[in-house]
Amino acid sequence: MKRMKKVLMALFLLPFILLLLIGDQEVPQKRSTISEPTDWGKFVAPMMGYVYGTPEKDETLYVMIYWCYPKKYVNGSLAIGLSSLMEIFSSASYNGRHVPVFYRGYLGLAVPINVSRFPVLLDAKYIDATVSVHLMRNYNESIVKVYMGNWTLETGKLPKMMPNITSYTLESIEFTRNWIVTYKFGLYNPYNVTIKFLNISFELPGIKVLNITVYNASTFYGVNETTKVNDFSIPPGESRYFVITLLNDPEVNFFLRPKIEYLVGSEKYIMPGPPFQLTYLKKECWVNMKKN
């Protein structure tokens, strides 16, 4: 009987003994942590480009490079510099904290093209381009070479008369590859004589103009079947919106700033079109994606 009481007492005390043994111990928690990568991640950049400019009076253009790297490590003491030995690109520098997260978790770096540095009347010049990304932390510098592909640069004189660009699509970010892409912009005629759009031209291997559709509108929001017109002319004081359908190599990212050819009265002119960039971001940069 006494033995049974001892057994019962032991069974009764066992849970309390176990509680005392493990009570001060932390229960391991599963945590989703991101350790700093041993390399500098993945860069997505255009693989070719065409730029037409008028150095006498032209703006700085920007080409986007997308970077898959944890934003949490860029926010710290990381400084970023961009440089290129190729004359087409200018230098730039960024504080890591100010580098934004763009599409699908990718960070965005803007590479400037200062057209005003180029000579006037430059015939098509072909450049095999690379941008150096300088990554500096605690006085240690790493340099990553980002290949930008084949670029064609061409310049001309500023035309005496040209329409105003009212709006345009700066960039198309695609998540699936396809053969068709659209380049869109609006033009306004500020003169008392009709302007007639003739064509756009550029040198990008594998990229062709399939179709040009014109709308009686100044922005994309006015584009519909009722505003479609068959004439490429822009009457005085009016606007037209142009949708250029391009046949594209679905494996290639590109940057485009074409020539726009047009007539003002009977005089033919050429002006730079608005810039446009096509970028495929097929995979997500999951390290910067917020979980629901």
C-alpha atoms as a PDB file:
ATOM      1  CA  MET A   1       0.000   0.000   0.000  1.00  0.00           C
ATOM      2  CA  LYS A   2       2.829   2.379   0.945  1.00  0.00           C
ATOM      3  CA  ARG A   3       4.571   1.507  -2.304  1.00  0.00           C
ATOM      4  CA  MET A   4       1.446   2.362  -4.309  1.00  0.00           C
ATOM      5  CA  LYS A   5       1.223   5.731  -2.521  1.00  0.00           C
ATOM      6  CA  LYS A   6       4.854   6.479  -3.464  1.00  0.00           C
ATOM      7  CA  VAL A   7       4.140   5.640  -7.113  1.00  0.00           C
ATOM      8  CA  LEU A   8       1.040   7.843  -7.143  1.00  0.00           C
ATOM      9  CA  MET A   9       2.993  10.685  -5.510  1.00  0.00           C
ATOM     10  CA  ALA A  10       5.764  10.377  -8.111  1.00  0.00           C
ATOM     11  CA  LEU A  11       3.253  10.480 -10.964  1.00  0.00           C
ATOM     12  CA  PHE A  12       1.603  13.508  -9.393  1.00  0.00           C
ATOM     13  CA  LEU A  13       4.913  15.410  -9.025  1.00  0.00           C
ATOM     14  CA  LEU A  14       6.317  14.496 -12.472  1.00  0.00           C
ATOM     15  CA  PRO A  15       4.508  17.264 -14.458  1.00  0.00           C
ATOM     16  CA  PHE A  16       5.695  19.910 -11.982  1.00  0.00           C
ATOM     17  CA  ILE A  17       9.276  18.678 -12.171  1.00  0.00           C
ATOM     18  CA  LEU A  18       9.168  18.795 -15.985  1.00  0.00           C
ATOM     19  CA  LEU A  19       7.679  22.293 -15.852  1.00  0.00           C
ATOM     20  CA  LEU A  20      10.529  23.478 -13.627  1.00  0.00           C
ATOM     21  CA  LEU A  21      13.093  21.946 -15.971  1.00  0.00           C
ATOM     22  CA  ILE A  22      11.814  23.574 -19.171  1.00  0.00           C
ATOM     23  CA  GLY A  23      10.011  26.599 -17.816  1.00  0.00           C
ATOM     24  CA  ASP A  24      12.937  29.004 -18.218  1.00  0.00           C
ATOM     25  CA  GLN A  25      13.853  27.749 -21.703  1.00  0.00           C
ATOM     26  CA  GLU A  26      12.721  29.594 -24.829  1.00  0.00           C
ATOM     27  CA  VAL A  27      10.703  27.641 -27.341  1.00  0.00           C
ATOM     28  CA  PRO A  28      12.460  27.915 -30.703  1.00  0.00           C
ATOM     29  CA  GLN A  29      10.536  30.085 -33.209  1.00  0.00           C
ATOM     30  CA  LYS A  30      10.736  29.702 -36.962  1.00  0.00           C
ATOM     31  CA  ARG A  31      11.914  33.012 -38.365  1.00  0.00           C
ATOM     32  CA  SER A  32      12.066  34.170 -41.967  1.00  0.00           C
ATOM     33  CA  THR A  33      15.468  35.835 -42.151  1.00  0.00           C
ATOM     34  CA  ILE A  34      17.466  37.091 -45.106  1.00  0.00           C
ATOM     35  CA  SER A  35      21.219  36.900 -44.711  1.00  0.00           C
ATOM     36  CA  GLU A  36      23.329  39.218 -46.821  1.00  0.00           C
ATOM     37  CA  PRO A  37      24.196  37.486 -50.115  1.00  0.00           C
ATOM     38  CA  THR A  38      27.776  36.553 -50.861  1.00  0.00           C
ATOM     39  CA  ASP A  39      27.480  38.177 -54.302  1.00  0.00           C
ATOM     40  CA  TRP A  40      25.863  41.386 -55.559  1.00  0.00           C
ATOM     41  CA  GLY A  41      22.721  39.849 -56.999  1.00  0.00           C
ATOM     42  CA  LYS A  42      21.177  39.998 -60.435  1.00  0.00           C
ATOM     43  CA  PHE A  43      21.046  42.993 -62.794  1.00  0.00           C
ATOM     44  CA  VAL A  44      18.495  43.342 -65.620  1.00  0.00           C
ATOM     45  CA  ALA A  45      19.386  45.911 -68.292  1.00  0.00           C
ATOM     46  CA  PRO A  46      18.619  46.713 -71.948  1.00  0.00           C
ATOM     47  CA  MET A  47      20.452  44.476 -74.390  1.00  0.00           C
ATOM     48  CA  MET A  48      20.471  47.070 -77.173  1.00  0.00           C
ATOM     49  CA  GLY A  49      19.473  50.665 -77.779  1.00  0.00           C
ATOM     50  CA  TYR A  50      19.035  53.397 -80.364  1.00  0.00           C
ATOM     51  CA  VAL A  51      19.245  57.104 -79.505  1.00  0.00           C
ATOM     52  CA  TYR A  52      18.651  60.035 -81.865  1.00  0.00           C
ATOM     53  CA  GLY A  53      19.324  63.455 -80.405  1.00  0.00           C
ATOM     54  CA  THR A  54      19.824  67.153 -81.103  1.00  0.00           C
ATOM     55  CA  PRO A  55      22.816  68.259 -78.972  1.00  0.00           C
ATOM     56  CA  GLU A  56      22.078  71.990 -79.495  1.00  0.00           C
ATOM     57  CA  LYS A  57      19.078  71.733 -77.201  1.00  0.00           C
ATOM     58  CA  ASP A  58      18.323  68.377 -75.678  1.00  0.00           C
ATOM     59  CA  GLU A  59      17.402  66.857 -72.354  1.00  0.00           C
ATOM     60  CA  THR A  60      19.183  64.178 -70.357  1.00  0.00           C
ATOM     61  CA  LEU A  61      17.697  60.735 -70.933  1.00  0.00           C
ATOM     62  CA  TYR A  62      17.679  57.945 -68.367  1.00  0.00           C
ATOM     63  CA  VAL A  63      18.065  54.220 -68.939  1.00  0.00           C
ATOM     64  CA  MET A  64      16.823  51.973 -66.139  1.00  0.00           C
ATOM     65  CA  ILE A  65      18.838  49.082 -64.733  1.00  0.00           C
ATOM     66  CA  TYR A  66      16.897  46.791 -62.391  1.00  0.00           C
ATOM     67  CA  TRP A  67      18.719  45.115 -59.540  1.00  0.00           C
ATOM     68  CA  CYS A  68      17.621  42.146 -57.438  1.00  0.00           C
ATOM     69  CA  TYR A  69      19.270  42.620 -54.053  1.00  0.00           C
ATOM     70  CA  PRO A  70      17.860  42.899 -50.498  1.00  0.00           C
ATOM     71  CA  LYS A  71      16.758  46.480 -49.881  1.00  0.00           C
ATOM     72  CA  LYS A  72      17.535  46.098 -46.161  1.00  0.00           C
ATOM     73  CA  TYR A  73      21.255  45.893 -46.946  1.00  0.00           C
ATOM     74  CA  VAL A  74      21.142  48.763 -49.430  1.00  0.00           C
ATOM     75  CA  ASN A  75      19.555  51.053 -46.820  1.00  0.00           C
ATOM     76  CA  GLY A  76      22.674  51.046 -44.666  1.00  0.00           C
ATOM     77  CA  SER A  77      26.003  52.613 -45.465  1.00  0.00           C
ATOM     78  CA  LEU A  78      26.020  51.458 -49.084  1.00  0.00           C
ATOM     79  CA  ALA A  79      26.938  54.089 -51.671  1.00  0.00           C
ATOM     80  CA  ILE A  80      26.382  53.354 -55.350  1.00  0.00           C
ATOM     81  CA  GLY A  81      28.175  54.914 -58.296  1.00  0.00           C
ATOM     82  CA  LEU A  82      27.636  54.367 -62.018  1.00  0.00           C
ATOM     83  CA  SER A  83      30.345  54.935 -64.599  1.00  0.00           C
ATOM     84  CA  SER A  84      31.148  53.919 -68.144  1.00  0.00           C
ATOM     85  CA  LEU A  85      34.095  54.268 -70.465  1.00  0.00           C
ATOM     86  CA  MET A  86      31.571  54.411 -73.297  1.00  0.00           C
ATOM     87  CA  GLU A  87      30.795  58.001 -74.296  1.00  0.00           C
ATOM     88  CA  ILE A  88      27.074  57.320 -74.522  1.00  0.00           C
ATOM     89  CA  PHE A  89      26.522  57.085 -70.737  1.00  0.00           C
ATOM     90  CA  SER A  90      27.256  59.678 -68.041  1.00  0.00           C
ATOM     91  CA  SER A  91      28.235  59.049 -64.420  1.00  0.00           C
ATOM     92  CA  ALA A  92      25.798  59.063 -61.498  1.00  0.00           C
ATOM     93  CA  SER A  93      25.874  58.365 -57.767  1.00  0.00           C
ATOM     94  CA  TYR A  94      23.240  57.261 -55.261  1.00  0.00           C
ATOM     95  CA  ASN A  95      22.874  56.933 -51.523  1.00  0.00           C
ATOM     96  CA  GLY A  96      21.698  53.372 -50.944  1.00  0.00           C
ATOM     97  CA  ARG A  97      18.863  54.589 -48.731  1.00  0.00           C
ATOM     98  CA  HIS A  98      17.372  56.551 -51.644  1.00  0.00           C
ATOM     99  CA  VAL A  99      17.381  53.694 -54.142  1.00  0.00           C
ATOM    100  CA  PRO A 100      13.691  52.792 -54.616  1.00  0.00           C
ATOM    101  CA  VAL A 101      12.028  49.405 -54.940  1.00  0.00           C
ATOM    102  CA  PHE A 102      10.238  49.262 -58.281  1.00  0.00           C
ATOM    103  CA  TYR A 103       8.439  46.397 -59.984  1.00  0.00           C
ATOM    104  CA  ARG A 104       8.385  42.846 -58.596  1.00  0.00           C
ATOM    105  CA  GLY A 105      10.784  43.737 -55.804  1.00  0.00           C
ATOM    106  CA  TYR A 106      13.589  45.001 -58.056  1.00  0.00           C
ATOM    107  CA  LEU A 107      15.627  48.062 -57.115  1.00  0.00           C
ATOM    108  CA  GLY A 108      15.969  50.715 -59.810  1.00  0.00           C
ATOM    109  CA  LEU A 109      19.139  52.527 -60.916  1.00  0.00           C
ATOM    110  CA  ALA A 110      18.879  55.290 -63.534  1.00  0.00           C
ATOM    111  CA  VAL A 111      21.832  55.621 -65.928  1.00  0.00           C
ATOM    112  CA  PRO A 112      21.970  59.091 -67.568  1.00  0.00           C
ATOM    113  CA  ILE A 113      22.557  59.802 -71.248  1.00  0.00           C
ATOM    114  CA  ASN A 114      23.581  63.440 -71.709  1.00  0.00           C
ATOM    115  CA  VAL A 115      22.916  64.064 -75.393  1.00  0.00           C
ATOM    116  CA  SER A 116      24.236  67.647 -75.225  1.00  0.00           C
ATOM    117  CA  ARG A 117      27.787  66.224 -74.898  1.00  0.00           C
ATOM    118  CA  PHE A 118      27.661  64.689 -78.368  1.00  0.00           C
ATOM    119  CA  PRO A 119      28.722  66.406 -81.607  1.00  0.00           C
ATOM    120  CA  VAL A 120      26.063  67.710 -83.981  1.00  0.00           C
ATOM    121  CA  LEU A 121      25.524  65.744 -87.204  1.00  0.00           C
ATOM    122  CA  LEU A 122      26.965  62.513 -85.882  1.00  0.00           C
ATOM    123  CA  ASP A 123      26.306  59.671 -88.296  1.00  0.00           C
ATOM    124  CA  ALA A 124      25.220  56.365 -86.823  1.00  0.00           C
ATOM    125  CA  LYS A 125      27.869  55.300 -84.333  1.00  0.00           C
ATOM    126  CA  TYR A 126      27.823  51.764 -82.982  1.00  0.00           C
ATOM    127  CA  ILE A 127      28.891  51.143 -79.393  1.00  0.00           C
ATOM    128  CA  ASP A 128      29.286  47.908 -77.468  1.00  0.00           C
ATOM    129  CA  ALA A 129      28.373  49.266 -74.048  1.00  0.00           C
ATOM    130  CA  THR A 130      29.092  48.312 -70.446  1.00  0.00           C
ATOM    131  CA  VAL A 131      28.214  50.169 -67.236  1.00  0.00           C
ATOM    132  CA  SER A 132      30.310  49.746 -64.087  1.00  0.00           C
ATOM    133  CA  VAL A 133      28.302  49.698 -60.857  1.00  0.00           C
ATOM    134  CA  HIS A 134      30.547  50.784 -57.962  1.00  0.00           C
ATOM    135  CA  LEU A 135      29.303  49.497 -54.600  1.00  0.00           C
ATOM    136  CA  MET A 136      31.042  51.075 -51.611  1.00  0.00           C
ATOM    137  CA  ARG A 137      30.631  50.182 -47.939  1.00  0.00           C
ATOM    138  CA  ASN A 138      32.990  51.043 -45.067  1.00  0.00           C
ATOM    139  CA  TYR A 139      35.699  52.186 -47.497  1.00  0.00           C
ATOM    140  CA  ASN A 140      35.575  48.851 -49.323  1.00  0.00           C
ATOM    141  CA  GLU A 141      34.629  48.976 -52.981  1.00  0.00           C
ATOM    142  CA  SER A 142      33.257  46.272 -55.251  1.00  0.00           C
ATOM    143  CA  ILE A 143      32.733  46.817 -58.970  1.00  0.00           C
ATOM    144  CA  VAL A 144      30.127  44.913 -60.966  1.00  0.00           C
ATOM    145  CA  LYS A 145      30.213  45.128 -64.762  1.00  0.00           C
ATOM    146  CA  VAL A 146      26.721  45.276 -66.301  1.00  0.00           C
ATOM    147  CA  TYR A 147      26.705  44.554 -70.021  1.00  0.00           C
ATOM    148  CA  MET A 148      24.312  46.906 -71.858  1.00  0.00           C
ATOM    149  CA  GLY A 149      24.612  45.362 -75.309  1.00  0.00           C
ATOM    150  CA  ASN A 150      24.869  47.086 -78.687  1.00  0.00           C
ATOM    151  CA  TRP A 151      23.849  50.746 -78.960  1.00  0.00           C
ATOM    152  CA  THR A 152      23.510  53.055 -81.942  1.00  0.00           C
ATOM    153  CA  LEU A 153      23.920  56.808 -81.464  1.00  0.00           C
ATOM    154  CA  GLU A 154      22.943  59.399 -84.074  1.00  0.00           C
ATOM    155  CA  THR A 155      22.513  63.185 -83.890  1.00  0.00           C
ATOM    156  CA  GLY A 156      21.203  65.997 -86.065  1.00  0.00           C
ATOM    157  CA  LYS A 157      20.447  69.714 -86.071  1.00  0.00           C
ATOM    158  CA  LEU A 158      17.571  71.102 -84.057  1.00  0.00           C
ATOM    159  CA  PRO A 159      14.660  71.592 -86.508  1.00  0.00           C
ATOM    160  CA  LYS A 160      13.349  75.145 -86.997  1.00  0.00           C
ATOM    161  CA  MET A 161       9.773  73.991 -86.565  1.00  0.00           C
ATOM    162  CA  MET A 162       8.484  70.979 -84.676  1.00  0.00           C
ATOM    163  CA  PRO A 163       5.304  69.836 -82.910  1.00  0.00           C
ATOM    164  CA  ASN A 164       5.099  69.691 -79.120  1.00  0.00           C
ATOM    165  CA  ILE A 165       5.134  66.267 -77.475  1.00  0.00           C
ATOM    166  CA  THR A 166       2.039  66.213 -75.239  1.00  0.00           C
ATOM    167  CA  SER A 167       2.454  62.790 -73.616  1.00  0.00           C
ATOM    168  CA  TYR A 168       4.195  59.462 -74.061  1.00  0.00           C
ATOM    169  CA  THR A 169       4.743  56.050 -72.496  1.00  0.00           C
ATOM    170  CA  LEU A 170       8.194  56.103 -70.937  1.00  0.00           C
ATOM    171  CA  GLU A 171       8.531  52.396 -70.191  1.00  0.00           C
ATOM    172  CA  SER A 172       6.818  49.069 -70.611  1.00  0.00           C
ATOM    173  CA  ILE A 173       7.487  46.470 -67.915  1.00  0.00           C
ATOM    174  CA  GLU A 174       6.458  43.016 -69.086  1.00  0.00           C
ATOM    175  CA  PHE A 175       6.221  39.839 -67.015  1.00  0.00           C
ATOM    176  CA  THR A 176       5.709  37.459 -69.949  1.00  0.00           C
ATOM    177  CA  ARG A 177       7.587  37.615 -73.213  1.00  0.00           C
ATOM    178  CA  ASN A 178       5.662  38.381 -76.400  1.00  0.00           C
ATOM    179  CA  TRP A 179       6.305  39.465 -79.959  1.00  0.00           C
ATOM    180  CA  ILE A 180       4.278  42.691 -79.929  1.00  0.00           C
ATOM    181  CA  VAL A 181       4.973  45.946 -78.084  1.00  0.00           C
ATOM    182  CA  THR A 182       3.482  49.435 -78.557  1.00  0.00           C
ATOM    183  CA  TYR A 183       5.333  52.756 -78.602  1.00  0.00           C
ATOM    184  CA  LYS A 184       2.919  55.641 -77.915  1.00  0.00           C
ATOM    185  CA  PHE A 185       3.055  59.439 -77.911  1.00  0.00           C
ATOM    186  CA  GLY A 186       0.941  62.547 -78.545  1.00  0.00           C
ATOM    187  CA  LEU A 187       1.847  65.543 -80.755  1.00  0.00           C
ATOM    188  CA  TYR A 188       0.390  69.068 -80.730  1.00  0.00           C
ATOM    189  CA  ASN A 189       0.600  71.469 -83.693  1.00  0.00           C
ATOM    190  CA  PRO A 190       1.311  75.033 -82.432  1.00  0.00           C
ATOM    191  CA  TYR A 191       1.499  76.572 -85.926  1.00  0.00           C
ATOM    192  CA  ASN A 192      -1.065  77.992 -88.331  1.00  0.00           C
ATOM    193  CA  VAL A 193      -0.101  75.457 -90.986  1.00  0.00           C
ATOM    194  CA  THR A 194      -0.772  71.710 -91.068  1.00  0.00           C
ATOM    195  CA  ILE A 195       1.851  69.258 -89.822  1.00  0.00           C
ATOM    196  CA  LYS A 196       1.891  65.830 -91.433  1.00  0.00           C
ATOM    197  CA  PHE A 197       3.468  62.878 -89.642  1.00  0.00           C
ATOM    198  CA  LEU A 198       5.456  60.739 -92.094  1.00  0.00           C
ATOM    199  CA  ASN A 199       7.222  57.981 -90.193  1.00  0.00           C
ATOM    200  CA  ILE A 200       9.518  56.954 -87.367  1.00  0.00           C
ATOM    201  CA  SER A 201      12.906  55.401 -88.051  1.00  0.00           C
ATOM    202  CA  PHE A 202      15.599  53.700 -85.957  1.00  0.00           C
ATOM    203  CA  GLU A 203      18.256  51.001 -86.107  1.00  0.00           C
ATOM    204  CA  LEU A 204      17.434  48.128 -83.784  1.00  0.00           C
ATOM    205  CA  PRO A 205      18.090  44.616 -85.124  1.00  0.00           C
ATOM    206  CA  GLY A 206      14.968  42.475 -85.050  1.00  0.00           C
ATOM    207  CA  ILE A 207      12.607  45.395 -84.241  1.00  0.00           C
ATOM    208  CA  LYS A 208      10.194  46.423 -87.015  1.00  0.00           C
ATOM    209  CA  VAL A 209       7.214  48.755 -87.336  1.00  0.00           C
ATOM    210  CA  LEU A 210       4.086  46.706 -88.036  1.00  0.00           C
ATOM    211  CA  ASN A 211       1.395  49.353 -87.868  1.00  0.00           C
ATOM    212  CA  ILE A 212       0.714  53.015 -87.040  1.00  0.00           C
ATOM    213  CA  THR A 213      -2.685  54.016 -85.667  1.00  0.00           C
ATOM    214  CA  VAL A 214      -3.670  57.661 -85.145  1.00  0.00           C
ATOM    215  CA  TYR A 215      -6.284  59.098 -82.769  1.00  0.00           C
ATOM    216  CA  ASN A 216      -7.816  62.552 -82.405  1.00  0.00           C
ATOM    217  CA  ALA A 217      -6.508  62.876 -78.852  1.00  0.00           C
ATOM    218  CA  SER A 218      -3.593  64.352 -76.925  1.00  0.00           C
ATOM    219  CA  THR A 219      -3.145  61.563 -74.347  1.00  0.00           C
ATOM    220  CA  PHE A 220      -3.757  57.836 -74.037  1.00  0.00           C
ATOM    221  CA  TYR A 221      -6.995  58.490 -72.125  1.00  0.00           C
ATOM    222  CA  GLY A 222      -8.618  59.799 -75.294  1.00  0.00           C
ATOM    223  CA  VAL A 223      -7.857  56.659 -77.297  1.00  0.00           C
ATOM    224  CA  ASN A 224     -10.915  54.674 -78.437  1.00  0.00           C
ATOM    225  CA  GLU A 225     -12.618  53.567 -81.629  1.00  0.00           C
ATOM    226  CA  THR A 226     -14.582  56.822 -81.949  1.00  0.00           C
ATOM    227  CA  THR A 227     -11.434  58.976 -81.918  1.00  0.00           C
ATOM    228  CA  LYS A 228      -9.522  56.905 -84.477  1.00  0.00           C
ATOM    229  CA  VAL A 229      -8.649  58.819 -87.668  1.00  0.00           C
ATOM    230  CA  ASN A 230      -7.253  57.678 -91.005  1.00  0.00           C
ATOM    231  CA  ASP A 231      -5.176  60.778 -91.695  1.00  0.00           C
ATOM    232  CA  PHE A 232      -1.654  61.359 -90.352  1.00  0.00           C
ATOM    233  CA  SER A 233      -2.117  65.146 -90.571  1.00  0.00           C
ATOM    234  CA  ILE A 234      -2.299  67.415 -87.507  1.00  0.00           C
ATOM    235  CA  PRO A 235      -4.354  70.569 -88.233  1.00  0.00           C
ATOM    236  CA  PRO A 236      -3.292  73.892 -86.660  1.00  0.00           C
ATOM    237  CA  GLY A 237      -4.027  74.048 -82.934  1.00  0.00           C
ATOM    238  CA  GLU A 238      -4.927  70.345 -82.691  1.00  0.00           C
ATOM    239  CA  SER A 239      -3.349  67.202 -81.246  1.00  0.00           C
ATOM    240  CA  ARG A 240      -3.004  63.640 -82.459  1.00  0.00           C
ATOM    241  CA  TYR A 241      -2.028  60.521 -80.514  1.00  0.00           C
ATOM    242  CA  PHE A 242       0.095  57.902 -82.283  1.00  0.00           C
ATOM    243  CA  VAL A 243       0.229  54.213 -81.388  1.00  0.00           C
ATOM    244  CA  ILE A 244       3.157  52.481 -83.093  1.00  0.00           C
ATOM    245  CA  THR A 245       2.937  48.683 -83.063  1.00  0.00           C
ATOM    246  CA  LEU A 246       6.374  47.067 -83.094  1.00  0.00           C
ATOM    247  CA  LEU A 247       7.395  43.508 -83.872  1.00  0.00           C
ATOM    248  CA  ASN A 248       9.880  42.633 -81.155  1.00  0.00           C
ATOM    249  CA  ASP A 249      12.327  39.842 -80.430  1.00  0.00           C
ATOM    250  CA  PRO A 250      10.765  38.486 -77.207  1.00  0.00           C
ATOM    251  CA  GLU A 251      14.175  37.657 -75.746  1.00  0.00           C
ATOM    252  CA  VAL A 252      15.513  41.215 -75.923  1.00  0.00           C
ATOM    253  CA  ASN A 253      15.157  44.242 -73.641  1.00  0.00           C
ATOM    254  CA  PHE A 254      15.747  47.504 -75.505  1.00  0.00           C
ATOM    255  CA  PHE A 255      15.858  51.310 -75.223  1.00  0.00           C
ATOM    256  CA  LEU A 256      14.506  53.441 -78.067  1.00  0.00           C
ATOM    257  CA  ARG A 257      14.518  57.103 -78.953  1.00  0.00           C
ATOM    258  CA  PRO A 258      13.699  57.200 -82.674  1.00  0.00           C
ATOM    259  CA  LYS A 259      13.638  59.832 -85.375  1.00  0.00           C
ATOM    260  CA  ILE A 260      10.214  61.304 -86.135  1.00  0.00           C
ATOM    261  CA  GLU A 261       9.900  62.464 -89.740  1.00  0.00           C
ATOM    262  CA  TYR A 262       7.224  65.047 -90.591  1.00  0.00           C
ATOM    263  CA  LEU A 263       6.215  67.884 -92.896  1.00  0.00           C
ATOM    264  CA  VAL A 264       5.374  71.446 -91.863  1.00  0.00           C
ATOM    265  CA  GLY A 265       3.666  72.754 -94.953  1.00  0.00           C
ATOM    266  CA  SER A 266       5.991  71.476 -97.663  1.00  0.00           C
ATOM    267  CA  GLU A 267       9.181  71.489 -95.567  1.00  0.00           C
ATOM    268  CA  LYS A 268      10.475  68.158 -94.274  1.00  0.00           C
ATOM    269  CA  TYR A 269      11.992  67.926 -90.793  1.00  0.00           C
ATOM    270  CA  ILE A 270      13.349  65.315 -88.393  1.00  0.00           C
ATOM    271  CA  MET A 271      13.005  65.542 -84.605  1.00  0.00           C
ATOM    272  CA  PRO A 272      13.791  63.174 -81.710  1.00  0.00           C
ATOM    273  CA  GLY A 273      10.869  61.111 -80.526  1.00  0.00           C
ATOM    274  CA  PRO A 274      10.201  60.552 -76.827  1.00  0.00           C
ATOM    275  CA  PRO A 275      12.283  57.876 -75.059  1.00  0.00           C
ATOM    276  CA  PHE A 276      10.917  54.394 -74.484  1.00  0.00           C
ATOM    277  CA  GLN A 277      12.285  51.313 -72.708  1.00  0.00           C
ATOM    278  CA  LEU A 278      11.059  47.730 -72.810  1.00  0.00           C
ATOM    279  CA  THR A 279      12.076  45.534 -69.874  1.00  0.00           C
ATOM    280  CA  TYR A 280      11.130  41.938 -69.164  1.00  0.00           C
ATOM    281  CA  LEU A 281      11.100  40.997 -65.473  1.00  0.00           C
ATOM    282  CA  LYS A 282      10.141  37.370 -65.757  1.00  0.00           C
ATOM    283  CA  LYS A 283      11.027  36.341 -62.200  1.00  0.00           C
ATOM    284  CA  GLU A 284      10.217  38.135 -58.970  1.00  0.00           C
ATOM    285  CA  CYS A 285      12.956  39.503 -56.747  1.00  0.00           C
ATOM    286  CA  TRP A 286      11.448  37.683 -53.781  1.00  0.00           C
ATOM    287  CA  VAL A 287      13.832  39.152 -51.174  1.00  0.00           C
ATOM    288  CA  ASN A 288      11.993  42.488 -51.435  1.00  0.00           C
ATOM    289  CA  MET A 289       8.456  41.164 -51.876  1.00  0.00           C
ATOM    290  CA  LYS A 290       6.106  41.790 -48.962  1.00  0.00           C
ATOM    291  CA  LYS A 291       4.319  38.705 -47.714  1.00  0.00           C
ATOM    292  CA  ASN A 292       0.566  38.904 -47.186  1.00  0.00           C
END
